[in-house]
Amino acid sequence: MITLEERIARMERLLRRLEEDQPYLRVRLSPLGKEHRESSYAFADRIRAEAEAELHRLLGERVPPLESIAPQPADEPRGESPQPPTN
């Protein structure tokens, strides 16, 4: 089974490749009829939208870094109680 980070990287690569392929897709589809071109563009748009949604879902599954969930030191050192003010 691949790790979450690998899945995120794959999804990012897919989105980048889809974006880079956009001009070539137009050239490849130009000989087709209008209906076929529109259907192909709609399919490519659906794939891109689903990949973006999956990437956002995967990013949401990431565990926050340990620094953000580690206990923080208290204001007062352990074992000492605040001293009452003297008048």
Protein backbone atom coordinates (compact mmCIF):
# COMPACT_ATOMS: atom_id res chain seq x y z
CA MET A 1 0.00 0.00 0.00
CA ILE A 2 1.35 3.42 -0.86
CA THR A 3 1.68 6.13 1.73
CA LEU A 4 -0.49 9.20 1.95
CA GLU A 5 2.41 11.41 0.84
CA GLU A 6 2.94 9.25 -2.26
CA ARG A 7 -0.76 9.45 -3.11
CA ILE A 8 -0.66 13.24 -2.74
CA ALA A 9 2.42 13.44 -4.97
CA ARG A 10 0.76 11.27 -7.62
CA MET A 11 -2.36 13.42 -7.62
CA GLU A 12 -0.27 16.59 -7.91
CA ARG A 13 1.62 15.06 -10.87
CA LEU A 14 -1.65 14.09 -12.56
CA LEU A 15 -3.01 17.61 -12.21
CA ARG A 16 0.23 19.11 -13.50
CA ARG A 17 0.22 16.76 -16.51
CA LEU A 18 -3.40 17.53 -17.30
CA GLU A 19 -2.62 21.25 -17.20
CA GLU A 20 0.49 20.84 -19.39
CA ASP A 21 -1.48 18.72 -21.88
CA GLN A 22 -4.26 21.27 -22.37
CA PRO A 23 -2.80 22.89 -25.55
CA TYR A 24 -1.98 19.48 -27.03
CA LEU A 25 -5.47 18.22 -26.27
CA ARG A 26 -6.93 21.07 -28.30
CA VAL A 27 -4.70 20.17 -31.25
CA ARG A 28 -5.57 16.47 -31.01
CA LEU A 29 -9.29 17.22 -30.87
CA SER A 30 -9.38 19.86 -33.60
CA PRO A 31 -10.09 17.34 -36.43
CA LEU A 32 -13.15 16.02 -34.58
CA GLY A 33 -16.65 17.33 -34.99
CA LYS A 34 -18.02 19.96 -32.62
CA GLU A 35 -20.08 17.47 -30.59
CA HIS A 36 -17.14 15.13 -30.07
CA ARG A 37 -14.81 18.00 -29.12
CA GLU A 38 -17.29 19.36 -26.57
CA SER A 39 -17.79 15.90 -25.10
CA SER A 40 -14.03 15.37 -24.84
CA TYR A 41 -13.48 18.77 -23.21
CA ALA A 42 -16.26 18.04 -20.73
CA PHE A 43 -14.68 14.69 -19.89
CA ALA A 44 -11.25 16.29 -19.41
CA ASP A 45 -12.81 18.93 -17.17
CA ARG A 46 -14.54 16.24 -15.08
CA ILE A 47 -11.28 14.32 -14.67
CA ARG A 48 -9.49 17.50 -13.59
CA ALA A 49 -12.26 18.42 -11.11
CA GLU A 50 -12.27 14.92 -9.60
CA ALA A 51 -8.47 14.94 -9.30
CA GLU A 52 -8.56 18.33 -7.56
CA ALA A 53 -11.26 17.11 -5.17
CA GLU A 54 -9.25 13.98 -4.40
CA LEU A 55 -6.13 16.06 -3.77
CA HIS A 56 -8.02 18.30 -1.34
CA ARG A 57 -9.41 15.23 0.42
CA LEU A 58 -5.93 13.71 0.72
CA LEU A 59 -4.47 16.96 1.99
CA GLY A 60 -7.20 17.00 4.62
CA GLU A 61 -6.11 13.56 5.82
CA ARG A 62 -2.59 14.73 6.58
CA VAL A 63 -1.68 14.52 10.24
CA PRO A 64 -0.54 17.88 11.60
CA PRO A 65 3.18 18.13 12.37
CA LEU A 66 4.13 16.98 15.85
CA GLU A 67 5.24 20.48 16.81
CA SER A 68 1.68 21.76 16.47
CA ILE A 69 0.16 19.03 18.65
CA ALA A 70 2.98 18.62 21.20
CA PRO A 71 2.25 19.93 24.67
CA GLN A 72 3.46 23.46 25.24
CA PRO A 73 5.24 24.53 28.40
CA ALA A 74 3.09 26.22 31.00
CA ASP A 75 3.65 29.80 32.06
CA GLU A 76 4.67 28.66 35.52
CA PRO A 77 7.47 26.16 36.08
CA ARG A 78 6.24 22.80 37.35
CA GLY A 79 5.94 22.39 41.10
CA GLU A 80 5.92 26.09 41.86
CA SER A 81 2.76 27.94 42.66
CA PRO A 82 2.39 31.65 42.07
CA GLN A 83 3.34 33.79 45.05
CA PRO A 84 0.63 36.02 46.46
CA PRO A 85 1.32 39.71 46.04
CA THR A 86 2.84 41.43 49.05
CA ASN A 87 1.50 44.78 50.23
